[in-house]
Every structure is written in C-alpha cells, then in structure tokens.
Amino acid sequence: MDRQKIHPKAKPIELNYPSDKEFFLIHGYTGSPTDFNYLPNYLHKRFKVNVKVIILKGHGTKVEDLNNFEYGDFYNQVKRELMIDLKKGRKIAIGGISFGSYLAFELAARYPIVGLFNVSMPYKLRFPFNVKGIGLFGLFKKYWKKRVHPEEAKLREPFFHYPHMHKRGFKFVKIGKKRVDKFAPKISCPCLTLYAKQDPIGHFKSVEVINNKIGSRQKHSAILDSKIHNMFFSEHRDLVYKIIGDFFEENEIFQEKKILPQNVAAIVPAYNEGPRISGVLKSLSRSKILSEIIVVDDGSNDNTELVVKKFSKVRYLKNKKNMGKAFSMDRGVKSTKAPIIFFCDADLRGLTPEIVEKITLPVINNEVDMFIGGRGNIMQKTVKKWAINSGERALRRHLWTELPKFYKHRYRIEAGLNNFAKKYGKGYGFEVFSHTQPIKESKYGFFKGTFLRWWMNLDVTTATIRFHLIDRFRKFK
C-alpha cells in the first residue's frame, strides 16, 4: 500500500518516553489509530510510558482498499510490530477496540504481555448481526453504511473515520470468535473487559462468557450505560480512560515486583552427579532469594558427597539406596519448614541466580502456585508439552503436601504437579530460560540413556492418564 495515500488524520501514533514500558494499541476494522480518541495521550501522561498505535494494512484511505486483506494479514502485521518492541526489552501491555480486541487476545496468549484490555469486542452479537447467514448478503453488497449515533458522529468530526463497513467484517467476526475461544484460556496476565450496555453491535452479556474463558486469575470488567459501540466517542469517554488507567494502576501492572520476605528452600535431588553438581551449587549459593539449600543424594556411588560438602551453605542428606528422584524430592521437602520450595536438577549448565529469582518470584508474590523454568534445549524451546516437565520449578508447599502419593514416584512427579496446579490451585506460570541439561544418552551411554528416556516418557504418560481418569474428579483443598 502506498503510504502517501493515508489520510493525514489516520497516521500511526507513537508517543515516546525514556522508559522500557509500553502500551500497544490495536484499532478496529474499518477504523484507524484515532479509534482510541485521546486515550494514547492519557496513558502517556499518566504512566510516563511509550504508547504505540499502528495502522492496520489497507486502512486510512478508502474502504475499497480493504478488498485484498484477510484476517491473517492483520494478525501477522501486529505480531511483527509487537516483536520489534519485545526485542527491545520492553514490558508491554496491549489494548484493543472492537476487531482489534481479537488480535490483542491472541497476542496476549502467545507472548509475554503484562496486561490486556479490550473494549466492545464483537463476541455475542445483537440483531440483525446475529442473524444466521447474514454474511451472505455480502455476495450482493460489499460495503454497508455504518449506523453512527449522532453523539459519536459529532465527536468524530476532527478525526478520520469510515462512513462504511466492509462485507468481510462478518467473516472476521466468525474467525475472531473462534480464535478468542482458542486462545483466551492461555492468557495469564491481568485482563479488563469493557462493554456498552446498549451497544448496537455486541451484546454486553459477552462479558460473562469472555471472563469464563480467560485463563488469568485477574479478570476485571465494567459495563457502561451507553448506546455507542466505540465508547471512546461517547459521553463516558473520560470515565473509560479512568477505568483503564485505574485497572493498570491498581493491579500494579507496570510496577517492579518486590521480593516479599518468605523462606525459600532449594532442593536438589542428585544421583552420581559429582562431575556436574558443583556449577549448580555455586549458582544457588550466590542467590539472595534462597534461605536454605538441601541436596538429597539418592545413593550415589561416585564423589557427589565430597563435592557437595565443599559448600558450607548446603545441607547434605543421603538415601541408603537409590530410591528415585521423586522420593528424594519428598525427603527434601520433609526436612524443611519453608513455605516455598525451589526444585532443580543437579546436572544443569548455565543456571544463574537471576534465573532462580525469575522462577521463584511469581510464587513468592502469590501470582501462581507454581512456576516452571523451561530449559534452552532445542526440544524444550519448541515443544511446550516437554518443557513444562522441566525439573526447575518453584511451588507452594501445600501443592506438594496435597499431591497424592501415587505421583511421588520416579518421573511421574512433574506431570502430577502440573495437572494439580492447573486444576486445583492458582495455576502455574512458565517461561523458557537459557540454562540447559545434558541428554541422558550423553550421561549414561546410548542404550541406558535411551532406556531411561522411554521409562521417563512412560511415567509421564501414566501420571497423565491417572489424573484425567481419576484425580480430576476428586475434591482437594
């Protein structure tokens, strides 16, 4: 698209501030960056952060220029723009109006977004937009004149706006709703949903449906007594700004998380890890977030004990014989009264005090019951189902004590913890870090390593089947 054709009042908005924080806003279909009225300036001044509102492809000219753009074109565009700023190390909150809310939801589910707000998402529709097959009228009429409330029309006069909607809007609503259903459960950041009670397009009862689908524990909503779909151009616009601003302030979304004073015990199960455990213990000993470090030697017959006892801060326990990883983890928990446990394997490479803190802090601050640190290995970076079985995790003690004994056996433990945290607790968080672990084949040789790998896979499968057939129907605290 020729950028010179874009209307001067529809150009992208970028308000800069010397900060690593940013609001990334997405306008609606047949809309423009001006869809948010003065919200970008409000957020920029109130929070002293960067604010960016890009213009979606084909927009800012005339409605006919939207003929060749599909839903995926818009999503790929906002994804690319978001990635540019994430790579700058920015902490980004996302907001969307109408169609832009669909795109915001998917980005919040896929990327490390710190907060999300959506306004007037077309989810449950009102008549006539909810009539089955209404999109077929697009075969005969490409562009439909918008029904704009007189109050909104007056407020929009200084801004760019389209007088018509495009027939593809009906198609995009179907796609958007499906993607919201798919991605909403994966959203973990605080979320705010706003609707107008008499919105002529979307029904305000969408709020309850959407909130039930969002995976985040921090879900907020507000319904305003307005007849205007885009409430940024209603008599309530100043209130909408304030609700959004208060949401981010009250949830401390852009504030640095403080470490609360709670004891955290690091527990390291080890079996014949003499050549590798030293690096792990050096990192743990340098961590300021740990109150104690416990190594549980699972009956090693190498020099593991000699290496561990060189670290004065580390408490050493040894099983009389090899009992398995989960048994050693359980023994470690029973040997401490710490309310938060940090588990890590003894053979890690590249573990740092900073990684330990990032894994532990969300649990300390009561955001989740468990946080998992995925490793930088190729499989863990690309396949989340493998990565969430990582041994590096922080969790609240009660999650461990309430976990049935069945799962505290060999390699069933991580899958068991994952399922229970997701079903019965505050859920778990997850992030991939740079530390790695040698593969079993390199430690034990090809045949034994392969055997142990398949044994591990069998244990994970057994734990998962058991949970879904039996334990997910039980009542726990």
Protein backbone atom coordinates (compact mmCIF):
# COMPACT_ATOMS: atom_id res chain seq x y z
CA MET A 1 0.00 0.00 0.00
CA ASP A 2 1.25 3.48 -0.88
CA ARG A 3 1.87 5.11 2.49
CA GLN A 4 1.38 8.56 0.92
CA LYS A 5 -2.29 7.84 0.34
CA ILE A 6 -3.01 7.53 4.05
CA HIS A 7 -5.16 10.37 5.31
CA PRO A 8 -3.13 12.79 7.46
CA LYS A 9 -5.53 12.25 10.37
CA ALA A 10 -5.18 8.46 10.20
CA LYS A 11 -1.44 8.05 10.55
CA PRO A 12 0.16 5.80 13.19
CA ILE A 13 0.54 7.23 16.68
CA GLU A 14 3.82 6.83 18.54
CA LEU A 15 4.34 8.69 21.81
CA ASN A 16 7.86 8.15 23.13
CA TYR A 17 9.19 8.28 26.67
CA PRO A 18 12.58 7.19 28.09
CA SER A 19 11.07 4.04 29.58
CA ASP A 20 11.08 0.27 28.99
CA LYS A 21 7.27 0.18 29.36
CA GLU A 22 4.76 0.45 26.53
CA PHE A 23 1.06 0.40 25.66
CA PHE A 24 0.50 -1.30 22.30
CA LEU A 25 -2.99 -0.45 21.00
CA ILE A 26 -4.88 -2.02 18.07
CA HIS A 27 -7.74 -0.23 16.33
CA GLY A 28 -10.86 -1.74 14.78
CA TYR A 29 -11.70 -2.97 11.29
CA THR A 30 -12.59 -0.01 9.04
CA GLY A 31 -11.09 2.12 11.80
CA SER A 32 -7.80 3.92 12.37
CA PRO A 33 -5.38 4.82 15.19
CA THR A 34 -7.81 7.63 16.08
CA ASP A 35 -10.32 4.97 17.27
CA PHE A 36 -8.91 5.49 20.77
CA ASN A 37 -9.61 9.24 20.74
CA TYR A 38 -7.34 10.81 23.43
CA LEU A 39 -6.58 7.56 25.29
CA PRO A 40 -2.97 7.33 23.96
CA ASN A 41 -2.17 10.79 25.35
CA TYR A 42 -3.91 9.98 28.62
CA LEU A 43 -1.87 6.79 29.15
CA HIS A 44 1.33 8.50 28.02
CA LYS A 45 0.97 11.29 30.59
CA ARG A 46 -0.45 9.24 33.47
CA PHE A 47 2.05 6.38 33.36
CA LYS A 48 5.00 8.11 31.66
CA VAL A 49 5.41 5.26 29.18
CA ASN A 50 5.69 4.71 25.44
CA VAL A 51 2.41 4.40 23.54
CA LYS A 52 2.12 2.92 20.05
CA VAL A 53 -0.95 2.65 17.80
CA ILE A 54 -0.07 1.21 14.40
CA ILE A 55 -2.37 1.48 11.39
CA LEU A 56 -3.63 -1.84 10.06
CA LYS A 57 -2.96 -2.73 6.44
CA GLY A 58 -5.32 -1.18 3.90
CA HIS A 59 -6.66 1.33 6.41
CA GLY A 60 -6.56 5.10 6.44
CA THR A 61 -7.56 5.55 2.80
CA LYS A 62 -10.91 4.32 1.43
CA VAL A 63 -12.94 1.24 2.21
CA GLU A 64 -12.26 -0.30 -1.22
CA ASP A 65 -8.58 -0.68 -0.29
CA LEU A 66 -9.54 -3.41 2.20
CA ASN A 67 -10.67 -5.81 -0.55
CA ASN A 68 -7.46 -7.83 -0.65
CA PHE A 69 -6.67 -8.24 3.06
CA GLU A 70 -7.56 -11.28 5.16
CA TYR A 71 -7.66 -11.76 8.93
CA GLY A 72 -4.23 -13.40 8.92
CA ASP A 73 -2.68 -10.39 7.21
CA PHE A 74 -3.67 -8.16 10.11
CA TYR A 75 -2.57 -10.64 12.77
CA ASN A 76 0.84 -11.17 11.16
CA GLN A 77 1.29 -7.41 10.91
CA VAL A 78 0.58 -6.70 14.60
CA LYS A 79 2.70 -9.69 15.62
CA ARG A 80 5.70 -8.36 13.70
CA GLU A 81 5.29 -4.90 15.19
CA LEU A 82 4.96 -6.30 18.70
CA MET A 83 8.06 -8.48 18.31
CA ILE A 84 10.13 -5.43 17.35
CA ASP A 85 9.39 -3.80 20.71
CA LEU A 86 9.63 -7.01 22.74
CA LYS A 87 13.14 -7.47 21.35
CA LYS A 88 13.96 -4.03 22.75
CA GLY A 89 13.29 -5.49 26.19
CA ARG A 90 10.07 -3.56 26.71
CA LYS A 91 7.32 -4.57 29.14
CA ILE A 92 4.22 -4.29 27.00
CA ALA A 93 0.52 -4.00 27.79
CA ILE A 94 -1.96 -4.49 24.94
CA GLY A 95 -5.34 -2.91 24.29
CA GLY A 96 -7.87 -3.43 21.51
CA ILE A 97 -11.10 -1.82 20.38
CA SER A 98 -13.75 -3.91 18.59
CA PHE A 99 -11.95 -6.07 15.93
CA GLY A 100 -8.62 -5.05 17.46
CA SER A 101 -9.62 -6.93 20.61
CA TYR A 102 -9.44 -10.25 18.75
CA LEU A 103 -5.86 -9.56 17.73
CA ALA A 104 -4.97 -8.34 21.23
CA PHE A 105 -6.29 -11.55 22.80
CA GLU A 106 -4.17 -13.79 20.61
CA LEU A 107 -1.03 -11.73 21.19
CA ALA A 108 -1.60 -11.80 24.95
CA ALA A 109 -1.89 -15.59 24.84
CA ARG A 110 1.22 -16.14 22.72
CA TYR A 111 3.66 -13.54 24.06
CA PRO A 112 4.85 -12.24 27.48
CA ILE A 113 2.31 -9.42 27.80
CA VAL A 114 1.95 -7.77 31.21
CA GLY A 115 -1.66 -6.61 30.89
CA LEU A 116 -4.61 -6.63 28.49
CA PHE A 117 -7.75 -4.56 27.98
CA ASN A 118 -10.43 -4.98 25.35
CA VAL A 119 -13.31 -2.66 24.54
CA SER A 120 -16.53 -3.63 22.73
CA MET A 121 -15.34 -6.94 21.30
CA PRO A 122 -17.97 -8.25 18.82
CA TYR A 123 -18.49 -11.62 20.53
CA LYS A 124 -22.20 -12.18 21.27
CA LEU A 125 -23.89 -10.06 18.61
CA ARG A 126 -27.16 -8.13 18.58
CA PHE A 127 -29.86 -8.21 15.94
CA PRO A 128 -29.50 -8.04 12.96
CA PHE A 129 -25.82 -9.01 13.15
CA ASN A 130 -26.66 -12.26 14.94
CA VAL A 131 -28.96 -13.48 12.18
CA LYS A 132 -27.63 -16.73 10.81
CA GLY A 133 -26.28 -16.35 7.29
CA ILE A 134 -26.31 -12.57 7.31
CA GLY A 135 -22.82 -12.62 5.83
CA LEU A 136 -24.31 -13.98 2.59
CA PHE A 137 -25.66 -10.52 1.86
CA GLY A 138 -22.04 -9.63 1.15
CA LEU A 139 -22.40 -11.50 -2.14
CA PHE A 140 -24.64 -8.67 -3.32
CA LYS A 141 -23.32 -5.71 -1.38
CA LYS A 142 -19.65 -5.14 -0.48
CA TYR A 143 -19.95 -2.01 1.63
CA TRP A 144 -22.58 -1.24 4.22
CA LYS A 145 -23.29 2.23 5.55
CA LYS A 146 -22.49 2.43 9.27
CA ARG A 147 -25.19 3.32 11.74
CA VAL A 148 -23.43 6.02 13.78
CA HIS A 149 -25.03 7.60 16.82
CA PRO A 150 -25.32 11.42 16.40
CA GLU A 151 -23.24 11.98 19.54
CA GLU A 152 -20.45 9.77 18.18
CA ALA A 153 -20.62 11.41 14.74
CA LYS A 154 -20.15 14.85 16.29
CA LEU A 155 -17.17 13.76 18.40
CA ARG A 156 -15.55 12.07 15.40
CA GLU A 157 -15.63 15.15 13.20
CA PRO A 158 -11.99 16.19 13.93
CA PHE A 159 -10.79 12.62 13.32
CA PHE A 160 -10.53 10.22 10.40
CA HIS A 161 -13.35 7.70 10.16
CA TYR A 162 -15.00 5.44 7.58
CA PRO A 163 -18.66 6.01 6.70
CA HIS A 164 -18.97 2.39 5.52
CA MET A 165 -18.15 -1.06 6.86
CA HIS A 166 -16.71 -3.81 4.62
CA LYS A 167 -18.56 -7.06 3.96
CA ARG A 168 -15.55 -9.02 5.24
CA GLY A 169 -16.34 -7.77 8.70
CA PHE A 170 -18.92 -10.58 9.04
CA LYS A 171 -16.30 -13.16 8.12
CA PHE A 172 -13.74 -11.68 10.52
CA VAL A 173 -16.19 -11.81 13.42
CA LYS A 174 -16.56 -15.58 12.93
CA ILE A 175 -12.80 -16.05 12.75
CA GLY A 176 -12.17 -13.73 15.69
CA LYS A 177 -14.64 -15.51 17.98
CA LYS A 178 -13.05 -18.87 17.21
CA ARG A 179 -9.59 -17.54 17.97
CA VAL A 180 -10.76 -15.97 21.22
CA ASP A 181 -12.23 -19.32 22.27
CA LYS A 182 -8.92 -20.99 21.44
CA PHE A 183 -6.53 -18.51 23.00
CA ALA A 184 -8.42 -16.96 25.94
CA PRO A 185 -7.67 -19.95 28.25
CA LYS A 186 -3.93 -19.40 27.60
CA ILE A 187 -3.95 -15.78 28.79
CA SER A 188 -2.28 -15.40 32.19
CA CYS A 189 -1.86 -11.62 32.52
CA PRO A 190 -4.46 -9.33 34.20
CA CYS A 191 -7.37 -8.60 31.86
CA LEU A 192 -10.01 -5.86 31.65
CA THR A 193 -13.15 -6.14 29.50
CA LEU A 194 -15.40 -3.14 28.78
CA TYR A 195 -18.82 -3.06 27.10
CA ALA A 196 -21.60 -0.57 26.46
CA LYS A 197 -24.89 -1.87 27.85
CA GLN A 198 -26.77 -0.81 24.72
CA ASP A 199 -24.01 -1.45 22.19
CA PRO A 200 -25.78 -1.78 18.80
CA ILE A 201 -23.29 -4.44 17.60
CA GLY A 202 -22.02 -6.56 20.51
CA HIS A 203 -24.18 -7.71 23.43
CA PHE A 204 -22.97 -6.72 26.90
CA LYS A 205 -23.62 -10.29 28.11
CA SER A 206 -20.42 -11.16 26.25
CA VAL A 207 -18.58 -10.05 29.40
CA GLU A 208 -19.55 -13.13 31.39
CA VAL A 209 -18.79 -15.52 28.54
CA ILE A 210 -15.39 -13.98 27.83
CA ASN A 211 -14.38 -13.87 31.52
CA ASN A 212 -15.24 -17.55 31.89
CA LYS A 213 -12.90 -18.37 29.03
CA ILE A 214 -9.91 -16.26 30.11
CA GLY A 215 -7.26 -18.30 31.90
CA SER A 216 -5.97 -15.40 34.02
CA ARG A 217 -6.86 -15.27 37.71
CA GLN A 218 -7.07 -11.47 37.48
CA LYS A 219 -10.17 -10.72 35.42
CA HIS A 220 -11.96 -7.39 35.63
CA SER A 221 -14.92 -5.98 33.73
CA ALA A 222 -17.18 -2.95 33.51
CA ILE A 223 -20.45 -2.30 31.69
CA LEU A 224 -21.31 1.34 30.99
CA ASP A 225 -24.76 2.69 30.27
CA SER A 226 -24.07 3.77 26.70
CA LYS A 227 -25.62 3.25 23.25
CA ILE A 228 -22.33 3.77 21.41
CA HIS A 229 -20.19 0.87 20.18
CA ASN A 230 -16.93 2.82 20.41
CA MET A 231 -17.17 4.27 23.91
CA PHE A 232 -14.08 6.42 23.30
CA PHE A 233 -16.50 8.64 21.36
CA SER A 234 -19.30 8.71 23.89
CA GLU A 235 -20.21 10.92 26.83
CA HIS A 236 -18.46 8.33 29.02
CA ARG A 237 -15.09 8.64 27.27
CA ASP A 238 -13.33 10.28 30.23
CA LEU A 239 -14.68 7.56 32.53
CA VAL A 240 -13.43 4.88 30.11
CA TYR A 241 -9.94 6.42 30.21
CA LYS A 242 -10.03 6.42 34.01
CA ILE A 243 -11.29 2.83 34.28
CA ILE A 244 -8.46 1.63 32.04
CA GLY A 245 -5.87 3.72 33.89
CA ASP A 246 -7.10 2.62 37.33
CA PHE A 247 -7.04 -1.02 36.21
CA PHE A 248 -3.35 -0.83 35.36
CA GLU A 249 -2.50 1.13 38.49
CA GLU A 250 -4.49 -1.00 40.96
CA ASN A 251 -3.06 -4.22 39.56
CA GLU A 252 0.46 -2.73 39.69
CA ILE A 253 1.00 -3.97 36.15
CA PHE A 254 3.92 -1.72 35.33
CA GLN A 255 5.47 -1.71 38.80
CA GLU A 256 8.55 -3.73 39.62
CA LYS A 257 7.70 -6.81 41.66
CA LYS A 258 9.18 -6.68 45.13
CA ILE A 259 10.55 -9.75 46.84
CA LEU A 260 8.39 -10.47 49.86
CA PRO A 261 10.15 -11.88 52.94
CA GLN A 262 9.38 -15.59 52.75
CA ASN A 263 11.67 -18.57 53.29
CA VAL A 264 12.51 -20.47 50.13
CA ALA A 265 14.26 -23.84 50.28
CA ALA A 266 16.15 -25.11 47.24
CA ILE A 267 16.05 -28.89 46.98
CA VAL A 268 18.42 -30.66 44.61
CA PRO A 269 17.95 -34.43 44.09
CA ALA A 270 21.22 -35.96 42.86
CA TYR A 271 22.45 -39.36 41.75
CA ASN A 272 26.08 -39.77 40.66
CA GLU A 273 26.33 -36.09 39.74
CA GLY A 274 29.82 -35.46 41.12
CA PRO A 275 31.18 -34.15 37.78
CA ARG A 276 28.25 -31.74 37.29
CA ILE A 277 26.68 -30.61 40.58
CA SER A 278 29.35 -28.07 41.53
CA GLY A 279 28.17 -25.45 39.00
CA VAL A 280 24.58 -25.75 40.17
CA LEU A 281 25.52 -25.31 43.84
CA LYS A 282 27.71 -22.29 43.04
CA SER A 283 24.73 -20.54 41.45
CA LEU A 284 22.34 -21.48 44.24
CA SER A 285 24.81 -20.31 46.89
CA ARG A 286 25.01 -16.90 45.22
CA SER A 287 21.23 -16.49 45.13
CA LYS A 288 19.82 -13.96 47.62
CA ILE A 289 16.32 -15.33 47.31
CA LEU A 290 17.08 -18.73 48.90
CA SER A 291 17.05 -19.22 52.65
CA GLU A 292 18.47 -22.77 52.54
CA ILE A 293 19.87 -25.27 50.06
CA ILE A 294 19.37 -29.02 50.51
CA VAL A 295 20.98 -31.73 48.40
CA VAL A 296 19.38 -35.17 48.64
CA ASP A 297 21.89 -37.74 47.40
CA ASP A 298 19.94 -40.70 46.05
CA GLY A 299 22.51 -43.37 46.99
CA SER A 300 25.36 -42.17 44.74
CA ASN A 301 28.49 -44.31 44.44
CA ASP A 302 30.71 -41.57 42.97
CA ASN A 303 32.20 -38.43 44.58
CA THR A 304 28.92 -36.50 44.82
CA GLU A 305 29.16 -36.32 48.62
CA LEU A 306 32.72 -34.94 48.56
CA VAL A 307 31.75 -32.22 46.08
CA VAL A 308 28.62 -31.17 47.96
CA LYS A 309 30.35 -30.94 51.35
CA LYS A 310 32.71 -28.30 49.97
CA PHE A 311 29.75 -25.88 50.06
CA SER A 312 29.24 -24.64 53.61
CA LYS A 313 25.77 -23.25 52.89
CA VAL A 314 24.45 -26.59 51.63
CA ARG A 315 22.78 -29.22 53.82
CA TYR A 316 23.53 -32.76 52.68
CA LEU A 317 21.20 -35.77 53.03
CA LYS A 318 21.82 -39.23 51.60
CA ASN A 319 19.47 -42.13 50.93
CA LYS A 320 20.80 -45.54 51.94
CA LYS A 321 19.99 -46.83 48.46
CA ASN A 322 18.73 -45.48 45.19
CA MET A 323 15.04 -44.65 45.69
CA GLY A 324 14.28 -42.45 42.69
CA LYS A 325 14.00 -38.74 42.04
CA ALA A 326 10.52 -38.17 43.47
CA PHE A 327 11.39 -39.96 46.73
CA SER A 328 14.44 -37.71 47.13
CA MET A 329 12.38 -34.60 46.43
CA ASP A 330 9.86 -35.67 49.05
CA ARG A 331 12.58 -36.30 51.62
CA GLY A 332 13.95 -32.83 50.94
CA VAL A 333 10.53 -31.21 51.49
CA LYS A 334 10.04 -33.09 54.74
CA SER A 335 13.40 -31.87 56.01
CA THR A 336 12.43 -28.18 55.82
CA LYS A 337 9.58 -25.98 57.02
CA ALA A 338 9.94 -23.44 54.21
CA PRO A 339 6.57 -22.44 52.69
CA ILE A 340 8.07 -22.22 49.19
CA ILE A 341 10.17 -24.90 47.54
CA PHE A 342 12.54 -24.46 44.62
CA PHE A 343 13.45 -27.72 42.89
CA CYS A 344 16.25 -28.04 40.38
CA ASP A 345 18.20 -30.86 38.82
CA ALA A 346 21.85 -31.41 39.73
CA ASP A 347 23.28 -31.60 36.22
CA LEU A 348 22.35 -28.18 34.83
CA ARG A 349 24.60 -25.96 32.76
CA GLY A 350 24.20 -22.20 32.76
CA LEU A 351 21.91 -21.87 35.79
CA THR A 352 22.25 -18.38 37.28
CA PRO A 353 20.94 -16.63 40.42
CA GLU A 354 18.86 -14.43 38.09
CA ILE A 355 17.11 -17.47 36.61
CA VAL A 356 16.42 -18.82 40.11
CA GLU A 357 14.85 -15.48 41.06
CA LYS A 358 12.70 -15.24 37.92
CA ILE A 359 11.34 -18.74 38.53
CA THR A 360 10.69 -18.17 42.22
CA LEU A 361 9.39 -14.59 42.34
CA PRO A 362 5.91 -15.25 40.83
CA VAL A 363 5.27 -17.81 43.60
CA ILE A 364 6.61 -15.56 46.35
CA ASN A 365 4.30 -12.78 45.17
CA ASN A 366 1.35 -15.18 45.15
CA GLU A 367 0.68 -14.78 41.43
CA VAL A 368 0.64 -18.56 40.85
CA ASP A 369 1.05 -21.69 42.97
CA MET A 370 3.88 -22.93 40.78
CA PHE A 371 6.26 -21.50 38.19
CA ILE A 372 8.24 -23.67 35.76
CA GLY A 373 11.54 -22.73 34.18
CA GLY A 374 11.92 -24.36 30.78
CA ARG A 375 15.45 -25.02 29.55
CA GLY A 376 17.21 -23.70 26.48
CA ASN A 377 17.47 -27.15 24.88
CA ILE A 378 16.02 -27.32 21.36
CA MET A 379 13.09 -29.56 22.32
CA GLN A 380 12.15 -27.51 25.38
CA LYS A 381 12.26 -24.28 23.39
CA THR A 382 10.00 -25.66 20.67
CA VAL A 383 7.65 -28.17 22.36
CA LYS A 384 5.89 -26.78 25.44
CA LYS A 385 4.45 -30.17 26.44
CA TRP A 386 8.02 -31.35 27.01
CA ALA A 387 9.19 -28.10 28.51
CA ILE A 388 6.58 -27.99 31.28
CA ASN A 389 8.03 -31.22 32.68
CA SER A 390 11.26 -29.39 33.45
CA GLY A 391 12.80 -30.08 36.86
CA GLU A 392 13.37 -26.37 37.58
CA ARG A 393 10.28 -25.10 39.36
CA ALA A 394 9.16 -23.15 42.39
CA LEU A 395 5.95 -24.07 44.19
CA ARG A 396 4.00 -23.53 47.36
CA ARG A 397 4.46 -26.23 49.96
CA HIS A 398 0.76 -27.06 50.16
CA LEU A 399 0.76 -28.12 46.50
CA TRP A 400 3.38 -30.75 47.30
CA THR A 401 1.78 -31.99 50.53
CA GLU A 402 -1.67 -32.30 48.93
CA LEU A 403 -0.37 -34.19 45.90
CA PRO A 404 -1.33 -37.90 46.15
CA LYS A 405 1.49 -40.34 46.88
CA PHE A 406 0.94 -42.05 43.52
CA TYR A 407 2.63 -39.13 41.75
CA LYS A 408 5.64 -39.02 44.08
CA HIS A 409 7.24 -41.90 42.25
CA ARG A 410 10.13 -41.79 39.77
CA TYR A 411 9.34 -39.44 36.85
CA ARG A 412 5.60 -39.09 37.48
CA ILE A 413 6.19 -36.12 39.73
CA GLU A 414 6.38 -33.20 37.28
CA ALA A 415 3.31 -34.26 35.28
CA GLY A 416 1.40 -34.77 38.53
CA LEU A 417 2.34 -31.33 39.84
CA ASN A 418 1.41 -29.68 36.55
CA ASN A 419 -2.06 -31.19 36.46
CA PHE A 420 -2.82 -30.45 40.11
CA ALA A 421 -1.57 -26.86 39.97
CA LYS A 422 -3.70 -26.20 36.90
CA LYS A 423 -6.84 -27.87 38.23
CA TYR A 424 -6.86 -27.16 41.96
CA GLY A 425 -4.50 -24.27 42.69
CA LYS A 426 -3.86 -20.80 41.32
CA GLY A 427 -2.36 -22.37 38.24
CA TYR A 428 1.23 -22.32 37.06
CA GLY A 429 3.40 -19.94 35.08
CA PHE A 430 6.02 -20.91 32.54
CA GLU A 431 9.00 -19.32 30.79
CA VAL A 432 11.95 -20.70 28.84
CA PHE A 433 15.40 -19.68 30.11
CA SER A 434 18.93 -20.09 28.78
CA HIS A 435 20.16 -22.89 31.06
CA THR A 436 20.48 -26.39 29.61
CA GLN A 437 20.86 -30.02 30.66
CA PRO A 438 22.89 -32.84 29.08
CA ILE A 439 20.76 -35.51 27.45
CA LYS A 440 20.55 -38.90 29.15
CA GLU A 441 22.36 -40.63 26.30
CA SER A 442 25.45 -38.47 26.85
CA LYS A 443 25.46 -39.19 30.62
CA TYR A 444 24.71 -42.89 30.64
CA GLY A 445 25.56 -44.09 27.15
CA PHE A 446 23.21 -44.65 24.23
CA PHE A 447 21.42 -47.82 25.34
CA LYS A 448 20.95 -47.00 29.03
CA GLY A 449 20.15 -43.37 28.24
CA THR A 450 17.51 -44.37 25.69
CA PHE A 451 16.01 -46.87 28.16
CA LEU A 452 15.78 -44.19 30.86
CA ARG A 453 14.24 -41.73 28.43
CA TRP A 454 11.47 -44.14 27.48
CA TRP A 455 11.00 -45.04 31.14
CA MET A 456 10.54 -41.34 31.86
CA ASN A 457 8.03 -40.99 28.99
CA LEU A 458 6.10 -43.98 30.33
CA ASP A 459 5.93 -42.42 33.79
CA VAL A 460 4.70 -39.10 32.40
CA THR A 461 2.04 -40.87 30.33
CA THR A 462 0.95 -42.97 33.33
CA ALA A 463 0.61 -39.89 35.54
CA THR A 464 -1.37 -38.01 32.90
CA ILE A 465 -3.79 -40.90 32.28
CA ARG A 466 -4.30 -41.45 36.00
CA PHE A 467 -5.10 -37.77 36.59
CA HIS A 468 -7.64 -37.49 33.76
CA LEU A 469 -9.36 -40.79 34.61
CA ILE A 470 -9.46 -40.44 38.40
CA ASP A 471 -8.00 -37.45 40.19
CA ARG A 472 -9.53 -34.62 38.19
CA PHE A 473 -12.93 -35.70 39.54
CA ARG A 474 -11.84 -35.66 43.19
CA LYS A 475 -12.12 -32.76 45.60
CA PHE A 476 -8.95 -31.29 47.05
CA LYS A 477 -8.29 -28.16 49.03
